[in-house]
Amino acid sequence: MSAETPVCQLLERQAFDYRGWLWVAPPRDAWLEAGQGRLLSADQAVRAAWQARGLSALSPFEEVDEAPAGAVLFWPKSHALGEWWLLWLCAHLPPGTPLQLVGENQGGIKRVLKVLAALGLGCRKVDSARRCGLYATRLDRVGIDPDAAWMSFEAEGLKLVSHPGVFGHGKLDDGTRLLLGELPGALGGPLGEGADEADILDVGCGDGILAAWLARRGARVTATDVNAFAVEATRRTLAANGLIGEALESDVYSALDARRDGARRDGARRFDVIISNPPFHQERAIDYGPAGRLIREAPEHLKPGGQLLLVANIFLPYPDLLTRTFGGFEILADDRRFRVYRAIKDGSRG
């Protein structure tokens, strides 16, 4: 099976046996999933695809139980996240383990030369093609704890904990700020009297700002994200503020659909409100898939009369999808960059 992405096409052309190697933070690619090597990824959707084929897939919060023959790090769009992965590999894999680093020129792969030099690791260029580069080094202990990458900052009277690769890392996103400004009015009922009975789902929780804001006002919050770093950041944010909430790794609603009990007719957990600042990028490519699923499947996860609240850049094509799914919607705020949408599930739909 041939590689589909440019970075994997570059790897495929190498006269190299990658069996027993560890693929670190790779894209989805049929060539990778054909059975060579093991996966280490923070992306729950990527891990689930590998596990569905019976392949080994770990998150960065699990220990590598068997030392690999080598590792390939796919350099991410976030340079800070790439540097974190380097530190993690140096700390968790045996010194001397071969490491290859691959990425697109546009994504800054050439920067690894300076990064490796700063860590005292040698480097050589292996190959370049399809506007991508491949470099090689060997891991060693560098004396820097990867946990030092966690940071905290203040916003909306809350202490937020974040990590490289988490949306809005280290700052409050303007779209989220606009959404927060609309919440008191939009959720006046559920967040007033009887707030402890409001079940609210935060999809794409990031650093946990929305989950913490809601939990501080007494809502019962479930927060989900496909990114393991975001889920851990949300857990740390809730703990840092003495708040209670549930944070789950989930590809949109996948973790909620899988949780069944006798009180749920179809196995899907249902909420009074679903709230989200949904992503629309996969690395540098625009990807409406997760946001489309968020909207299309929202009625299955809302109680009768429940509402979906989301904020999005004004150019994103969500109005038609909201209309097809809910029969209509309203715009609560528009600052010419972002819009806050509200759609309500018809109580007659059950």
Protein backbone atom coordinates (compact mmCIF):
# COMPACT_ATOMS: atom_id res chain seq x y z
CA MET A 1 0.00 0.00 0.00
CA SER A 2 1.44 3.36 -1.05
CA ALA A 3 1.85 6.36 1.20
CA GLU A 4 -0.72 9.14 0.82
CA THR A 5 0.80 12.17 2.58
CA PRO A 6 3.98 13.97 1.43
CA VAL A 7 5.89 13.21 4.64
CA CYS A 8 5.07 9.51 4.43
CA GLN A 9 5.93 9.44 0.74
CA LEU A 10 9.37 10.75 1.70
CA LEU A 11 9.74 7.99 4.29
CA GLU A 12 8.44 5.31 1.95
CA ARG A 13 11.19 5.98 -0.57
CA GLN A 14 13.91 5.29 2.01
CA ALA A 15 15.73 1.96 1.73
CA PHE A 16 15.07 1.42 5.42
CA ASP A 17 13.30 -1.16 7.54
CA TYR A 18 11.03 0.64 9.99
CA ARG A 19 9.66 -2.50 11.61
CA GLY A 20 9.86 -2.18 15.39
CA TRP A 21 10.08 1.62 15.19
CA LEU A 22 7.82 4.08 16.97
CA TRP A 23 5.83 6.56 14.88
CA VAL A 24 5.43 9.74 16.95
CA ALA A 25 2.56 12.18 16.24
CA PRO A 26 2.01 11.06 12.63
CA PRO A 27 -0.87 11.95 10.30
CA ARG A 28 -3.42 9.38 9.19
CA ASP A 29 -1.79 7.43 6.37
CA ALA A 30 -2.61 3.98 4.98
CA TRP A 31 1.08 3.15 4.53
CA LEU A 32 1.76 3.69 8.23
CA GLU A 33 -1.32 1.72 9.23
CA ALA A 34 -0.33 -1.22 7.02
CA GLY A 35 1.43 -2.73 10.02
CA GLN A 36 4.93 -1.30 10.34
CA GLY A 37 5.88 -0.05 13.77
CA ARG A 38 3.92 1.28 16.74
CA LEU A 39 2.08 4.55 17.31
CA LEU A 40 2.56 7.27 19.92
CA SER A 41 0.02 10.06 19.50
CA ALA A 42 -1.98 12.60 21.48
CA ASP A 43 -4.79 12.37 18.90
CA GLN A 44 -7.47 9.99 20.13
CA ALA A 45 -8.96 9.61 16.64
CA VAL A 46 -5.62 8.49 15.19
CA ARG A 47 -5.06 6.04 18.05
CA ALA A 48 -8.57 4.62 17.62
CA ALA A 49 -7.92 3.99 13.91
CA TRP A 50 -4.75 2.05 14.73
CA GLN A 51 -6.37 0.11 17.56
CA ALA A 52 -9.27 -0.85 15.27
CA ARG A 53 -6.70 -2.64 13.10
CA GLY A 54 -5.24 -4.43 16.12
CA LEU A 55 -2.12 -2.23 16.15
CA SER A 56 -0.28 -0.83 19.18
CA ALA A 57 -1.18 2.80 19.91
CA LEU A 58 -0.14 4.77 23.00
CA SER A 59 -0.86 8.26 24.30
CA PRO A 60 1.94 10.47 25.71
CA PHE A 61 0.53 9.79 29.18
CA GLU A 62 1.35 6.08 28.90
CA GLU A 63 4.77 4.52 29.29
CA VAL A 64 6.42 2.79 26.35
CA ASP A 65 6.65 -0.75 27.75
CA GLU A 66 9.19 -2.03 25.24
CA ALA A 67 12.09 0.01 23.88
CA PRO A 68 11.62 0.52 20.11
CA ALA A 69 14.34 -0.04 17.54
CA GLY A 70 14.05 3.66 16.75
CA ALA A 71 11.54 6.50 16.51
CA VAL A 72 10.27 8.85 13.80
CA LEU A 73 8.97 12.22 14.99
CA PHE A 74 6.58 13.97 12.60
CA TRP A 75 7.35 17.64 13.22
CA PRO A 76 4.08 19.47 14.07
CA LYS A 77 2.86 22.93 13.12
CA SER A 78 3.47 24.05 16.71
CA HIS A 79 7.23 24.30 17.17
CA ALA A 80 6.79 24.34 20.94
CA LEU A 81 4.96 21.03 20.70
CA GLY A 82 7.71 19.59 18.50
CA GLU A 83 10.29 20.59 21.07
CA TRP A 84 8.18 18.98 23.81
CA TRP A 85 8.06 15.71 21.88
CA LEU A 86 11.85 15.81 21.57
CA LEU A 87 12.24 16.28 25.31
CA TRP A 88 9.72 13.50 26.00
CA LEU A 89 11.59 11.07 23.74
CA CYS A 90 14.94 11.98 25.32
CA ALA A 91 13.47 11.36 28.78
CA HIS A 92 11.58 8.12 28.03
CA LEU A 93 13.60 6.19 25.45
CA PRO A 94 17.08 4.72 26.03
CA PRO A 95 20.08 6.91 25.17
CA GLY A 96 21.43 6.07 21.75
CA THR A 97 18.02 5.24 20.28
CA PRO A 98 17.97 6.32 16.60
CA LEU A 99 15.59 9.19 15.90
CA GLN A 100 14.42 10.52 12.57
CA LEU A 101 12.55 13.79 12.22
CA VAL A 102 10.36 14.44 9.20
CA GLY A 103 8.15 17.34 8.20
CA GLU A 104 7.14 19.80 5.54
CA ASN A 105 9.38 22.76 4.73
CA GLN A 106 6.37 25.04 5.15
CA GLY A 107 5.86 23.56 8.61
CA GLY A 108 9.35 24.52 9.74
CA ILE A 109 11.15 21.17 9.64
CA LYS A 110 14.45 22.94 8.95
CA ARG A 111 14.21 24.47 12.40
CA VAL A 112 15.07 21.11 13.93
CA LEU A 113 18.73 21.74 13.10
CA LYS A 114 18.89 24.58 15.62
CA VAL A 115 16.67 22.79 18.13
CA LEU A 116 18.84 19.67 18.13
CA ALA A 117 22.02 21.74 18.34
CA ALA A 118 20.63 23.61 21.37
CA LEU A 119 20.02 20.25 23.07
CA GLY A 120 23.53 19.05 22.27
CA LEU A 121 22.31 16.41 19.82
CA GLY A 122 24.06 15.90 16.51
CA CYS A 123 22.09 15.89 13.29
CA ARG A 124 22.46 14.94 9.66
CA LYS A 125 20.17 15.47 6.70
CA VAL A 126 18.96 12.19 5.22
CA ASP A 127 16.76 13.23 2.31
CA SER A 128 14.40 15.85 0.93
CA ALA A 129 11.54 15.57 -1.57
CA ARG A 130 7.95 16.76 -2.04
CA ARG A 131 8.84 19.94 -0.13
CA CYS A 132 9.65 17.86 2.94
CA GLY A 133 12.85 17.11 4.82
CA LEU A 134 14.13 14.10 6.73
CA TYR A 135 16.83 14.37 9.41
CA ALA A 136 18.49 11.85 11.71
CA THR A 137 20.05 11.93 15.18
CA ARG A 138 20.34 9.75 18.28
CA LEU A 139 18.58 10.38 21.55
CA ASP A 140 20.38 11.24 24.75
CA ARG A 141 19.52 12.59 28.18
CA VAL A 142 19.40 16.39 27.96
CA GLY A 143 18.56 17.29 31.57
CA ILE A 144 15.29 19.11 30.76
CA ASP A 145 12.03 17.81 32.22
CA PRO A 146 9.29 17.79 29.55
CA ASP A 147 6.75 18.57 32.29
CA ALA A 148 8.26 22.05 32.45
CA ALA A 149 6.24 22.80 29.29
CA TRP A 150 3.02 23.02 31.33
CA MET A 151 2.14 26.64 32.06
CA SER A 152 -0.63 28.57 33.79
CA PHE A 153 -2.21 31.97 33.25
CA GLU A 154 -5.18 33.96 34.51
CA ALA A 155 -8.36 34.71 32.54
CA GLU A 156 -11.96 35.44 33.55
CA GLY A 157 -10.97 35.14 37.19
CA LEU A 158 -9.78 31.58 36.65
CA LYS A 159 -6.38 29.91 36.71
CA LEU A 160 -5.97 28.12 33.38
CA VAL A 161 -3.42 25.38 32.78
CA SER A 162 -2.14 24.81 29.25
CA HIS A 163 0.36 22.83 27.19
CA PRO A 164 1.94 23.29 23.75
CA GLY A 165 -0.44 22.01 21.09
CA VAL A 166 -3.58 22.93 23.06
CA PHE A 167 -5.86 25.43 21.30
CA GLY A 168 -5.22 28.99 22.46
CA HIS A 169 -2.11 27.92 24.35
CA GLY A 170 -1.23 30.57 26.93
CA LYS A 171 -3.99 33.06 26.09
CA LEU A 172 -7.76 33.47 25.90
CA ASP A 173 -8.94 33.12 22.30
CA ASP A 174 -11.02 36.06 21.01
CA GLY A 175 -13.81 33.78 19.81
CA THR A 176 -14.04 32.12 23.21
CA ARG A 177 -14.09 35.55 24.85
CA LEU A 178 -17.07 36.55 22.67
CA LEU A 179 -18.88 33.32 23.55
CA LEU A 180 -18.26 33.81 27.26
CA GLY A 181 -19.82 37.26 27.03
CA GLU A 182 -23.05 35.73 25.72
CA LEU A 183 -23.34 32.87 28.20
CA PRO A 184 -25.00 34.72 31.10
CA GLY A 185 -27.91 35.73 28.87
CA ALA A 186 -28.12 32.54 26.84
CA LEU A 187 -27.94 30.27 29.88
CA GLY A 188 -29.77 32.41 32.39
CA GLY A 189 -32.25 29.63 33.18
CA PRO A 190 -29.94 26.64 33.62
CA LEU A 191 -27.30 28.71 35.41
CA GLY A 192 -29.69 30.44 37.79
CA GLU A 193 -31.94 28.60 40.21
CA GLY A 194 -31.28 24.86 40.16
CA ALA A 195 -27.97 25.25 38.35
CA ASP A 196 -26.71 22.03 39.89
CA GLU A 197 -29.24 20.19 37.75
CA ALA A 198 -27.96 21.56 34.41
CA ASP A 199 -25.97 19.00 32.42
CA ILE A 200 -23.63 20.80 30.01
CA LEU A 201 -21.24 19.31 27.47
CA ASP A 202 -18.17 21.26 26.34
CA VAL A 203 -16.92 19.79 23.03
CA GLY A 204 -13.33 20.65 22.12
CA CYS A 205 -12.52 21.81 25.64
CA GLY A 206 -8.95 23.02 25.02
CA ASP A 207 -7.48 24.36 28.26
CA GLY A 208 -10.84 24.07 30.04
CA ILE A 209 -11.86 27.72 30.16
CA LEU A 210 -15.51 27.06 29.26
CA ALA A 211 -15.76 23.98 31.47
CA ALA A 212 -14.30 25.84 34.45
CA TRP A 213 -16.48 28.93 33.86
CA LEU A 214 -19.59 26.71 33.83
CA ALA A 215 -18.53 24.54 36.78
CA ARG A 216 -17.84 27.64 38.86
CA ARG A 217 -21.51 28.55 38.38
CA GLY A 218 -22.77 25.17 39.53
CA ALA A 219 -23.33 23.35 36.26
CA ARG A 220 -22.54 19.65 35.94
CA VAL A 221 -19.90 19.73 33.26
CA THR A 222 -18.58 17.08 30.89
CA ALA A 223 -15.66 18.24 28.75
CA THR A 224 -14.32 16.37 25.74
CA ASP A 225 -11.46 16.81 23.30
CA VAL A 226 -9.71 14.59 20.76
CA ASN A 227 -6.36 15.91 22.00
CA ALA A 228 -4.94 14.15 25.07
CA PHE A 229 -3.04 17.31 26.05
CA ALA A 230 -6.28 19.30 26.06
CA VAL A 231 -8.08 16.73 28.22
CA GLU A 232 -5.22 16.74 30.73
CA ALA A 233 -5.10 20.56 30.64
CA THR A 234 -8.83 20.73 31.41
CA ARG A 235 -8.44 18.30 34.31
CA ARG A 236 -5.61 20.43 35.70
CA THR A 237 -7.58 23.65 35.19
CA LEU A 238 -10.58 22.27 37.08
CA ALA A 239 -8.33 21.04 39.89
CA ALA A 240 -6.42 24.34 40.08
CA ASN A 241 -9.71 26.15 40.71
CA GLY A 242 -11.15 23.59 43.12
CA LEU A 243 -13.91 22.68 40.65
CA ILE A 244 -15.53 19.37 39.77
CA GLY A 245 -16.08 18.16 36.23
CA GLU A 246 -15.52 15.21 33.93
CA ALA A 247 -12.94 15.40 31.12
CA LEU A 248 -12.81 12.67 28.48
CA GLU A 249 -10.80 11.93 25.36
CA SER A 250 -13.37 11.80 22.59
CA ASP A 251 -13.56 12.24 18.83
CA VAL A 252 -16.54 14.63 19.02
CA TYR A 253 -19.18 12.37 20.64
CA SER A 254 -17.42 9.00 20.36
CA ALA A 255 -16.75 8.50 24.09
CA LEU A 256 -20.32 9.50 24.95
CA ASP A 257 -21.92 7.14 22.43
CA ALA A 258 -19.97 4.24 23.91
CA ARG A 259 -21.19 4.85 27.47
CA ARG A 260 -24.47 3.01 28.02
CA ASP A 261 -26.79 2.42 30.95
CA GLY A 262 -30.43 1.56 31.44
CA ALA A 263 -31.47 5.21 31.80
CA ARG A 264 -30.49 6.05 28.22
CA ARG A 265 -32.76 4.76 25.50
CA ASP A 266 -30.18 4.75 22.71
CA GLY A 267 -26.88 4.72 24.58
CA ALA A 268 -26.13 8.40 23.89
CA ARG A 269 -25.71 10.71 26.85
CA ARG A 270 -28.04 13.72 26.64
CA PHE A 271 -27.44 17.24 27.89
CA ASP A 272 -29.33 20.46 28.52
CA VAL A 273 -26.70 22.41 26.62
CA ILE A 274 -23.85 21.61 24.24
CA ILE A 275 -21.28 24.37 23.97
CA SER A 276 -18.25 24.58 21.70
CA ASN A 277 -15.58 26.63 19.99
CA PRO A 278 -15.03 23.88 17.39
CA PRO A 279 -11.76 23.44 15.50
CA PHE A 280 -11.63 23.73 11.74
CA HIS A 281 -7.95 23.02 11.10
CA GLN A 282 -5.99 19.77 10.90
CA GLU A 283 -2.42 21.07 11.06
CA ARG A 284 -2.49 23.65 8.20
CA ALA A 285 -5.43 22.18 6.24
CA ILE A 286 -9.01 23.33 6.74
CA ASP A 287 -11.15 20.45 7.99
CA TYR A 288 -14.87 20.96 8.65
CA GLY A 289 -15.39 17.31 9.56
CA PRO A 290 -15.41 17.54 13.39
CA ALA A 291 -17.56 20.70 13.43
CA GLY A 292 -19.95 19.11 10.94
CA ARG A 293 -20.35 16.07 13.17
CA LEU A 294 -20.75 18.32 16.20
CA ILE A 295 -23.76 20.01 14.58
CA ARG A 296 -25.34 17.05 12.75
CA GLU A 297 -25.24 14.72 15.75
CA ALA A 298 -26.08 17.33 18.40
CA PRO A 299 -29.84 16.54 18.50
CA GLU A 300 -29.03 12.94 19.49
CA HIS A 301 -27.14 14.30 22.51
CA LEU A 302 -29.56 17.03 23.56
CA LYS A 303 -32.59 16.70 25.78
CA PRO A 304 -35.89 17.99 24.33
CA GLY A 305 -35.64 21.79 24.27
CA GLY A 306 -31.87 21.63 24.75
CA GLN A 307 -29.64 24.07 22.95
CA LEU A 308 -26.40 24.07 20.98
CA LEU A 309 -24.19 27.14 21.46
CA LEU A 310 -21.11 27.56 19.34
CA VAL A 311 -18.74 30.29 18.25
CA ALA A 312 -17.05 30.29 14.84
CA ASN A 313 -15.28 32.52 12.36
CA ILE A 314 -17.91 34.27 10.26
CA PHE A 315 -16.64 32.77 6.99
CA LEU A 316 -17.27 29.18 8.08
CA PRO A 317 -20.28 27.53 6.38
CA TYR A 318 -22.25 26.57 9.47
CA PRO A 319 -25.57 28.43 8.97
CA ASP A 320 -26.84 26.01 6.29
CA LEU A 321 -25.85 23.02 8.39
CA LEU A 322 -27.55 24.45 11.48
CA THR A 323 -30.71 25.07 9.47
CA ARG A 324 -30.75 21.56 7.99
CA THR A 325 -30.15 19.99 11.39
CA PHE A 326 -32.31 22.12 13.67
CA GLY A 327 -34.72 23.83 11.28
CA GLY A 328 -33.31 27.24 12.22
CA PHE A 329 -30.90 29.15 14.44
CA GLU A 330 -30.18 32.61 15.80
CA ILE A 331 -27.05 34.73 15.94
CA LEU A 332 -26.43 35.95 19.48
CA ALA A 333 -23.30 37.99 18.70
CA ASP A 334 -21.29 39.09 15.64
CA ASP A 335 -18.11 41.16 15.96
CA ARG A 336 -17.27 40.87 12.23
CA ARG A 337 -14.69 38.19 12.98
CA PHE A 338 -16.70 35.67 14.99
CA ARG A 339 -20.34 34.78 15.44
CA VAL A 340 -22.06 33.07 18.33
CA TYR A 341 -24.83 30.77 17.11
CA ARG A 342 -27.67 29.21 19.08
CA ALA A 343 -29.87 26.36 17.85
CA ILE A 344 -32.59 24.73 19.94
CA LYS A 345 -33.79 21.15 19.67
CA ASP A 346 -37.52 20.91 19.03
CA GLY A 347 -39.08 19.35 22.09
CA SER A 348 -41.31 17.17 19.94
CA ARG A 349 -38.28 15.35 18.48
CA GLY A 350 -37.53 13.50 21.76
